[in-house]
């Protein structure tokens, strides 16, 4: 068997079995051939059904014009375009993407007479990257919020410790120590939530409804903030307590 015959058989089998989207077009973006995978992508049973048809015959207006514009750029420049991401026909509302390379086809005189495009479906990879990006943004937002929430009990601990050191009243010091203890417990719960990153990874952070005494909750928050407010010469509006 001659080399040309072997190459012809190889090319036929390759286009029949490759998982890649391969197509060949002329200068007018009319299809001259394709792989079986590409034919099935555009709803054809075999590559032969593509021959003589254009992107406008196979795709919606927006996608067809996108492909044709890319072809015109390549034909004008004559320079291959490698591994760029382009949209594929969607299915059931799901967006699909291909990593595509396009090459000019030249005749014996070096003139560009067509285009060969080779693409591979990377939709799953793109979706994973998008999910990873969303998870990372959620982590950053979570940590930013937690660092803000931790400042309140920390300020309470520092403030009430200073007040305790400045006081000679045993009863008052004991009251400050109770408040420091409350602040420490609250801070510890925040730290435990922050360290439990597995909940973020598995999206298992849930809010559970719980009955609370709004007066006690408000008073505890005021107590935690009192040292900082006093230091900055603000008042807590203590008249709200007990209402």
C-alpha atoms as a PDB file:
ATOM      1  CA  UNK A   1       0.000   0.000   0.000  1.00  0.00           C
ATOM      2  CA  UNK A   2       1.335   3.424  -0.911  1.00  0.00           C
ATOM      3  CA  UNK A   3       2.061   6.070   1.685  1.00  0.00           C
ATOM      4  CA  UNK A   4      -0.706   8.294   0.364  1.00  0.00           C
ATOM      5  CA  UNK A   5      -3.208   5.453   0.696  1.00  0.00           C
ATOM      6  CA  UNK A   6      -2.070   4.751   4.261  1.00  0.00           C
ATOM      7  CA  UNK A   7      -2.430   8.426   5.190  1.00  0.00           C
ATOM      8  CA  UNK A   8      -5.872   8.547   3.596  1.00  0.00           C
ATOM      9  CA  UNK A   9      -7.019   5.534   5.625  1.00  0.00           C
ATOM     10  CA  UNK A  10      -5.461   6.966   8.772  1.00  0.00           C
ATOM     11  CA  UNK A  11      -7.195  10.311   8.316  1.00  0.00           C
ATOM     12  CA  UNK A  12     -10.562   8.627   7.728  1.00  0.00           C
ATOM     13  CA  UNK A  13     -10.245   6.487  10.870  1.00  0.00           C
ATOM     14  CA  UNK A  14      -8.920   9.385  12.907  1.00  0.00           C
ATOM     15  CA  UNK A  15     -11.851  11.632  12.003  1.00  0.00           C
ATOM     16  CA  UNK A  16     -14.255   8.795  12.731  1.00  0.00           C
ATOM     17  CA  UNK A  17     -12.880   8.037  16.214  1.00  0.00           C
ATOM     18  CA  UNK A  18     -11.309  11.177  17.663  1.00  0.00           C
ATOM     19  CA  UNK A  19     -13.185  12.752  20.611  1.00  0.00           C
ATOM     20  CA  UNK A  20     -12.133  16.204  19.383  1.00  0.00           C
ATOM     21  CA  UNK A  21     -14.298  18.613  17.407  1.00  0.00           C
ATOM     22  CA  UNK A  22     -12.503  18.945  14.058  1.00  0.00           C
ATOM     23  CA  UNK A  23     -13.780  20.751  11.005  1.00  0.00           C
ATOM     24  CA  UNK A  24     -12.416  22.103   7.720  1.00  0.00           C
ATOM     25  CA  UNK A  25     -13.921  25.122   5.943  1.00  0.00           C
ATOM     26  CA  UNK A  26     -13.152  26.967   2.752  1.00  0.00           C
ATOM     27  CA  UNK A  27     -12.523  30.726   2.491  1.00  0.00           C
ATOM     28  CA  UNK A  28     -16.265  31.386   2.561  1.00  0.00           C
ATOM     29  CA  UNK A  29     -16.646  29.451   5.845  1.00  0.00           C
ATOM     30  CA  UNK A  30     -18.432  26.620   4.039  1.00  0.00           C
ATOM     31  CA  UNK A  31     -17.752  23.170   5.494  1.00  0.00           C
ATOM     32  CA  UNK A  32     -15.616  20.771   3.467  1.00  0.00           C
ATOM     33  CA  UNK A  33     -15.274  18.045   6.109  1.00  0.00           C
ATOM     34  CA  UNK A  34     -15.367  17.274   9.836  1.00  0.00           C
ATOM     35  CA  UNK A  35     -14.897  14.649  12.503  1.00  0.00           C
ATOM     36  CA  UNK A  36     -17.785  12.433  13.570  1.00  0.00           C
ATOM     37  CA  UNK A  37     -17.785  14.127  16.985  1.00  0.00           C
ATOM     38  CA  UNK A  38     -18.214  17.567  15.431  1.00  0.00           C
ATOM     39  CA  UNK A  39     -20.993  16.300  13.152  1.00  0.00           C
ATOM     40  CA  UNK A  40     -22.894  14.969  16.166  1.00  0.00           C
ATOM     41  CA  UNK A  41     -22.312  18.244  18.016  1.00  0.00           C
ATOM     42  CA  UNK A  42     -24.235  20.154  15.353  1.00  0.00           C
ATOM     43  CA  UNK A  43     -26.985  17.536  15.045  1.00  0.00           C
ATOM     44  CA  UNK A  44     -25.769  15.626  11.988  1.00  0.00           C
ATOM     45  CA  UNK A  45     -25.484  11.866  11.794  1.00  0.00           C
ATOM     46  CA  UNK A  46     -22.315  11.968   9.686  1.00  0.00           C
ATOM     47  CA  UNK A  47     -19.708  14.490   8.472  1.00  0.00           C
ATOM     48  CA  UNK A  48     -21.047  14.136   4.922  1.00  0.00           C
ATOM     49  CA  UNK A  49     -24.194  16.016   5.964  1.00  0.00           C
ATOM     50  CA  UNK A  50     -22.047  19.077   6.779  1.00  0.00           C
ATOM     51  CA  UNK A  51     -20.393  19.433   3.390  1.00  0.00           C
ATOM     52  CA  UNK A  52     -21.587  22.527   1.548  1.00  0.00           C
ATOM     53  CA  UNK A  53     -23.279  24.049   4.603  1.00  0.00           C
ATOM     54  CA  UNK A  54     -22.206  27.124   6.565  1.00  0.00           C
ATOM     55  CA  UNK A  55     -22.362  28.172  10.223  1.00  0.00           C
ATOM     56  CA  UNK A  56     -25.552  30.098   9.489  1.00  0.00           C
ATOM     57  CA  UNK A  57     -27.164  26.809   8.458  1.00  0.00           C
ATOM     58  CA  UNK A  58     -26.097  25.021  11.640  1.00  0.00           C
ATOM     59  CA  UNK A  59     -26.151  27.485  14.526  1.00  0.00           C
ATOM     60  CA  UNK A  60     -28.281  30.267  15.932  1.00  0.00           C
ATOM     61  CA  UNK A  61     -27.606  33.799  14.607  1.00  0.00           C
ATOM     62  CA  UNK A  62     -25.439  34.964  17.523  1.00  0.00           C
ATOM     63  CA  UNK A  63     -23.210  31.895  17.629  1.00  0.00           C
ATOM     64  CA  UNK A  64     -22.948  31.685  13.818  1.00  0.00           C
ATOM     65  CA  UNK A  65     -21.819  35.308  13.509  1.00  0.00           C
ATOM     66  CA  UNK A  66     -19.304  34.753  16.309  1.00  0.00           C
ATOM     67  CA  UNK A  67     -17.716  31.815  14.466  1.00  0.00           C
ATOM     68  CA  UNK A  68     -17.737  33.616  11.109  1.00  0.00           C
ATOM     69  CA  UNK A  69     -16.069  36.706  12.610  1.00  0.00           C
ATOM     70  CA  UNK A  70     -13.319  34.525  14.082  1.00  0.00           C
ATOM     71  CA  UNK A  71     -12.795  32.847  10.696  1.00  0.00           C
ATOM     72  CA  UNK A  72     -12.469  36.211   8.941  1.00  0.00           C
ATOM     73  CA  UNK A  73      -9.791  37.341  11.399  1.00  0.00           C
ATOM     74  CA  UNK A  74      -7.788  34.165  10.832  1.00  0.00           C
ATOM     75  CA  UNK A  75      -8.127  34.368   7.037  1.00  0.00           C
ATOM     76  CA  UNK A  76      -6.960  37.993   7.103  1.00  0.00           C
ATOM     77  CA  UNK A  77      -3.960  37.383   9.346  1.00  0.00           C
ATOM     78  CA  UNK A  78      -2.957  33.909   8.176  1.00  0.00           C
ATOM     79  CA  UNK A  79      -1.657  33.276  11.706  1.00  0.00           C
ATOM     80  CA  UNK A  80      -2.802  30.221  13.733  1.00  0.00           C
ATOM     81  CA  UNK A  81      -4.811  30.897  16.888  1.00  0.00           C
ATOM     82  CA  UNK A  82      -4.126  28.400  19.653  1.00  0.00           C
ATOM     83  CA  UNK A  83      -6.074  27.179  22.679  1.00  0.00           C
ATOM     84  CA  UNK A  84      -8.639  29.915  23.106  1.00  0.00           C
ATOM     85  CA  UNK A  85     -11.987  29.406  24.811  1.00  0.00           C
ATOM     86  CA  UNK A  86     -15.081  29.759  22.677  1.00  0.00           C
ATOM     87  CA  UNK A  87     -18.758  28.928  23.220  1.00  0.00           C
ATOM     88  CA  UNK A  88     -20.349  25.710  21.992  1.00  0.00           C
ATOM     89  CA  UNK A  89     -24.010  25.078  21.221  1.00  0.00           C
ATOM     90  CA  UNK A  90     -25.763  24.746  24.589  1.00  0.00           C
ATOM     91  CA  UNK A  91     -28.073  22.006  25.730  1.00  0.00           C
ATOM     92  CA  UNK A  92     -31.006  22.399  28.100  1.00  0.00           C
ATOM     93  CA  UNK A  93     -29.925  25.892  29.097  1.00  0.00           C
ATOM     94  CA  UNK A  94     -26.441  24.733  30.062  1.00  0.00           C
ATOM     95  CA  UNK A  95     -23.590  26.820  28.665  1.00  0.00           C
ATOM     96  CA  UNK A  96     -20.820  24.802  27.001  1.00  0.00           C
ATOM     97  CA  UNK A  97     -17.267  25.733  26.068  1.00  0.00           C
ATOM     98  CA  UNK A  98     -14.448  24.483  23.867  1.00  0.00           C
ATOM     99  CA  UNK A  99     -10.698  24.986  23.945  1.00  0.00           C
ATOM    100  CA  UNK A 100     -10.121  25.613  20.252  1.00  0.00           C
ATOM    101  CA  UNK A 101      -7.159  26.047  17.922  1.00  0.00           C
ATOM    102  CA  UNK A 102      -7.544  27.232  14.328  1.00  0.00           C
ATOM    103  CA  UNK A 103      -5.012  26.955  11.506  1.00  0.00           C
ATOM    104  CA  UNK A 104      -4.937  28.411   8.010  1.00  0.00           C
ATOM    105  CA  UNK A 105      -4.852  25.866   5.162  1.00  0.00           C
ATOM    106  CA  UNK A 106      -2.552  26.904   2.304  1.00  0.00           C
ATOM    107  CA  UNK A 107      -2.213  25.682  -1.276  1.00  0.00           C
ATOM    108  CA  UNK A 108       1.058  24.855  -3.037  1.00  0.00           C
ATOM    109  CA  UNK A 109       1.600  28.549  -3.757  1.00  0.00           C
ATOM    110  CA  UNK A 110       1.210  29.482  -0.081  1.00  0.00           C
ATOM    111  CA  UNK A 111      -2.203  31.119  -0.487  1.00  0.00           C
ATOM    112  CA  UNK A 112      -4.710  30.633   2.316  1.00  0.00           C
ATOM    113  CA  UNK A 113      -7.579  28.577   0.925  1.00  0.00           C
ATOM    114  CA  UNK A 114      -9.386  27.533   4.078  1.00  0.00           C
ATOM    115  CA  UNK A 115      -9.385  26.875   7.795  1.00  0.00           C
ATOM    116  CA  UNK A 116      -8.940  23.827  10.004  1.00  0.00           C
ATOM    117  CA  UNK A 117     -10.353  24.066  13.541  1.00  0.00           C
ATOM    118  CA  UNK A 118      -9.668  21.610  16.369  1.00  0.00           C
ATOM    119  CA  UNK A 119     -11.561  21.885  19.656  1.00  0.00           C
ATOM    120  CA  UNK A 120     -12.143  19.946  22.835  1.00  0.00           C
ATOM    121  CA  UNK A 121     -15.093  20.234  25.222  1.00  0.00           C
ATOM    122  CA  UNK A 122     -13.891  21.840  28.480  1.00  0.00           C
ATOM    123  CA  UNK A 123     -17.315  22.635  29.931  1.00  0.00           C
ATOM    124  CA  UNK A 124     -16.773  20.501  33.057  1.00  0.00           C
ATOM    125  CA  UNK A 125     -13.416  22.168  33.714  1.00  0.00           C
ATOM    126  CA  UNK A 126     -14.910  25.664  33.368  1.00  0.00           C
ATOM    127  CA  UNK A 127     -17.769  24.768  35.721  1.00  0.00           C
ATOM    128  CA  UNK A 128     -15.341  23.417  38.338  1.00  0.00           C
ATOM    129  CA  UNK A 129     -13.230  26.567  38.121  1.00  0.00           C
ATOM    130  CA  UNK A 130     -16.317  28.741  38.543  1.00  0.00           C
ATOM    131  CA  UNK A 131     -17.438  26.714  41.558  1.00  0.00           C
ATOM    132  CA  UNK A 132     -13.958  26.961  43.103  1.00  0.00           C
ATOM    133  CA  UNK A 133     -13.963  30.720  42.562  1.00  0.00           C
ATOM    134  CA  UNK A 134     -17.357  31.062  44.248  1.00  0.00           C
ATOM    135  CA  UNK A 135     -16.209  28.966  47.212  1.00  0.00           C
ATOM    136  CA  UNK A 136     -13.046  31.065  47.572  1.00  0.00           C
ATOM    137  CA  UNK A 137     -15.046  34.308  47.534  1.00  0.00           C
ATOM    138  CA  UNK A 138     -17.385  32.855  50.178  1.00  0.00           C
ATOM    139  CA  UNK A 139     -14.391  32.022  52.391  1.00  0.00           C
ATOM    140  CA  UNK A 140     -12.920  35.500  52.061  1.00  0.00           C
ATOM    141  CA  UNK A 141     -16.268  37.097  52.889  1.00  0.00           C
ATOM    142  CA  UNK A 142     -16.763  34.753  55.841  1.00  0.00           C
ATOM    143  CA  UNK A 143     -13.325  35.494  57.307  1.00  0.00           C
ATOM    144  CA  UNK A 144     -13.769  39.239  56.824  1.00  0.00           C
ATOM    145  CA  UNK A 145     -17.062  39.124  58.712  1.00  0.00           C
ATOM    146  CA  UNK A 146     -15.660  36.928  61.480  1.00  0.00           C
ATOM    147  CA  UNK A 147     -12.659  39.214  62.024  1.00  0.00           C
ATOM    148  CA  UNK A 148     -15.112  42.087  62.411  1.00  0.00           C
ATOM    149  CA  UNK A 149     -17.295  40.124  64.847  1.00  0.00           C
ATOM    150  CA  UNK A 150     -14.257  39.113  66.936  1.00  0.00           C
ATOM    151  CA  UNK A 151     -13.312  42.701  67.622  1.00  0.00           C
ATOM    152  CA  UNK A 152     -16.347  43.237  69.869  1.00  0.00           C
ATOM    153  CA  UNK A 153     -15.545  40.546  72.487  1.00  0.00           C
ATOM    154  CA  UNK A 154     -11.829  41.329  72.244  1.00  0.00           C
ATOM    155  CA  UNK A 155     -12.528  44.979  72.983  1.00  0.00           C
ATOM    156  CA  UNK A 156     -14.705  43.851  75.910  1.00  0.00           C
ATOM    157  CA  UNK A 157     -11.927  41.663  77.337  1.00  0.00           C
ATOM    158  CA  UNK A 158      -9.292  44.374  76.993  1.00  0.00           C
ATOM    159  CA  UNK A 159     -11.580  47.111  78.305  1.00  0.00           C
ATOM    160  CA  UNK A 160     -12.917  45.258  81.338  1.00  0.00           C
ATOM    161  CA  UNK A 161      -9.406  44.016  82.200  1.00  0.00           C
ATOM    162  CA  UNK A 162      -8.188  47.619  82.250  1.00  0.00           C
ATOM    163  CA  UNK A 163     -11.154  48.680  84.377  1.00  0.00           C
ATOM    164  CA  UNK A 164     -10.449  45.814  86.801  1.00  0.00           C
ATOM    165  CA  UNK A 165      -6.812  46.840  87.155  1.00  0.00           C
ATOM    166  CA  UNK A 166      -7.832  50.435  87.850  1.00  0.00           C
ATOM    167  CA  UNK A 167     -10.445  49.526  90.470  1.00  0.00           C
ATOM    168  CA  UNK A 168     -10.047  48.783  94.197  1.00  0.00           C
ATOM    169  CA  UNK A 169     -13.686  47.761  94.647  1.00  0.00           C
ATOM    170  CA  UNK A 170     -13.760  43.947  95.002  1.00  0.00           C
ATOM    171  CA  UNK A 171     -17.426  43.777  94.095  1.00  0.00           C
ATOM    172  CA  UNK A 172     -16.900  45.882  90.987  1.00  0.00           C
ATOM    173  CA  UNK A 173     -13.845  43.831  89.979  1.00  0.00           C
ATOM    174  CA  UNK A 174     -15.879  40.625  90.346  1.00  0.00           C
ATOM    175  CA  UNK A 175     -18.564  42.074  88.081  1.00  0.00           C
ATOM    176  CA  UNK A 176     -15.904  42.980  85.492  1.00  0.00           C
ATOM    177  CA  UNK A 177     -14.491  39.448  85.675  1.00  0.00           C
ATOM    178  CA  UNK A 178     -17.933  37.989  84.961  1.00  0.00           C
ATOM    179  CA  UNK A 179     -18.163  40.225  81.909  1.00  0.00           C
ATOM    180  CA  UNK A 180     -14.671  39.185  80.805  1.00  0.00           C
ATOM    181  CA  UNK A 181     -15.766  35.558  81.182  1.00  0.00           C
ATOM    182  CA  UNK A 182     -18.832  36.200  79.008  1.00  0.00           C
ATOM    183  CA  UNK A 183     -16.659  37.875  76.383  1.00  0.00           C
ATOM    184  CA  UNK A 184     -14.224  34.943  76.403  1.00  0.00           C
ATOM    185  CA  UNK A 185     -17.020  32.414  75.904  1.00  0.00           C
ATOM    186  CA  UNK A 186     -18.447  34.423  73.020  1.00  0.00           C
ATOM    187  CA  UNK A 187     -15.009  34.801  71.461  1.00  0.00           C
ATOM    188  CA  UNK A 188     -14.363  31.066  71.783  1.00  0.00           C
ATOM    189  CA  UNK A 189     -17.612  30.258  69.972  1.00  0.00           C
ATOM    190  CA  UNK A 190     -16.593  32.585  67.132  1.00  0.00           C
ATOM    191  CA  UNK A 191     -13.154  30.965  66.908  1.00  0.00           C
ATOM    192  CA  UNK A 192     -14.718  27.501  66.778  1.00  0.00           C
ATOM    193  CA  UNK A 193     -17.004  28.612  63.954  1.00  0.00           C
ATOM    194  CA  UNK A 194     -14.060  30.100  62.070  1.00  0.00           C
ATOM    195  CA  UNK A 195     -11.924  26.991  62.423  1.00  0.00           C
ATOM    196  CA  UNK A 196     -14.744  24.721  61.319  1.00  0.00           C
ATOM    197  CA  UNK A 197     -14.033  25.395  57.631  1.00  0.00           C
ATOM    198  CA  UNK A 198     -15.393  22.008  56.621  1.00  0.00           C
ATOM    199  CA  UNK A 199     -18.882  23.474  56.980  1.00  0.00           C
ATOM    200  CA  UNK A 200     -18.069  26.039  54.329  1.00  0.00           C
ATOM    201  CA  UNK A 201     -16.558  23.435  51.995  1.00  0.00           C
ATOM    202  CA  UNK A 202     -19.615  21.186  52.220  1.00  0.00           C
ATOM    203  CA  UNK A 203     -22.127  24.050  52.313  1.00  0.00           C
ATOM    204  CA  UNK A 204     -23.508  22.805  55.626  1.00  0.00           C
ATOM    205  CA  UNK A 205     -23.661  26.076  57.515  1.00  0.00           C
ATOM    206  CA  UNK A 206     -27.283  26.454  58.531  1.00  0.00           C
ATOM    207  CA  UNK A 207     -29.204  28.912  60.662  1.00  0.00           C
ATOM    208  CA  UNK A 208     -31.292  27.380  63.405  1.00  0.00           C
ATOM    209  CA  UNK A 209     -34.195  29.365  64.877  1.00  0.00           C
ATOM    210  CA  UNK A 210     -33.941  29.810  68.623  1.00  0.00           C
ATOM    211  CA  UNK A 211     -35.997  31.715  71.192  1.00  0.00           C
ATOM    212  CA  UNK A 212     -33.968  34.514  72.796  1.00  0.00           C
ATOM    213  CA  UNK A 213     -34.621  37.168  75.382  1.00  0.00           C
ATOM    214  CA  UNK A 214     -34.136  40.361  73.388  1.00  0.00           C
ATOM    215  CA  UNK A 215     -33.522  42.450  76.516  1.00  0.00           C
ATOM    216  CA  UNK A 216     -30.771  40.122  77.738  1.00  0.00           C
ATOM    217  CA  UNK A 217     -29.223  39.997  74.280  1.00  0.00           C
ATOM    218  CA  UNK A 218     -29.242  43.791  73.955  1.00  0.00           C
ATOM    219  CA  UNK A 219     -27.850  44.291  77.472  1.00  0.00           C
ATOM    220  CA  UNK A 220     -25.035  41.809  76.868  1.00  0.00           C
ATOM    221  CA  UNK A 221     -24.040  43.628  73.680  1.00  0.00           C
ATOM    222  CA  UNK A 222     -24.085  46.977  75.472  1.00  0.00           C
ATOM    223  CA  UNK A 223     -21.903  45.551  78.261  1.00  0.00           C
ATOM    224  CA  UNK A 224     -19.342  44.252  75.782  1.00  0.00           C
ATOM    225  CA  UNK A 225     -19.102  47.641  74.113  1.00  0.00           C
ATOM    226  CA  UNK A 226     -19.126  49.798  77.245  1.00  0.00           C
ATOM    227  CA  UNK A 227     -15.337  49.993  77.761  1.00  0.00           C
ATOM    228  CA  UNK A 228     -14.699  51.017  74.154  1.00  0.00           C
ATOM    229  CA  UNK A 229     -17.543  53.533  74.201  1.00  0.00           C
ATOM    230  CA  UNK A 230     -16.335  55.023  77.477  1.00  0.00           C
ATOM    231  CA  UNK A 231     -12.781  55.292  76.156  1.00  0.00           C
ATOM    232  CA  UNK A 232     -14.044  57.199  73.132  1.00  0.00           C
ATOM    233  CA  UNK A 233     -16.301  59.347  75.377  1.00  0.00           C
ATOM    234  CA  UNK A 234     -19.519  57.967  73.920  1.00  0.00           C
ATOM    235  CA  UNK A 235     -22.407  56.775  76.069  1.00  0.00           C
ATOM    236  CA  UNK A 236     -24.290  53.531  75.517  1.00  0.00           C
ATOM    237  CA  UNK A 237     -27.785  54.870  75.987  1.00  0.00           C
ATOM    238  CA  UNK A 238     -28.204  52.764  79.110  1.00  0.00           C
ATOM    239  CA  UNK A 239     -31.639  54.203  79.576  1.00  0.00           C
ATOM    240  CA  UNK A 240     -32.842  51.555  77.108  1.00  0.00           C
ATOM    241  CA  UNK A 241     -32.049  48.787  79.549  1.00  0.00           C
ATOM    242  CA  UNK A 242     -34.885  47.108  81.344  1.00  0.00           C
ATOM    243  CA  UNK A 243     -37.508  48.156  78.771  1.00  0.00           C
END
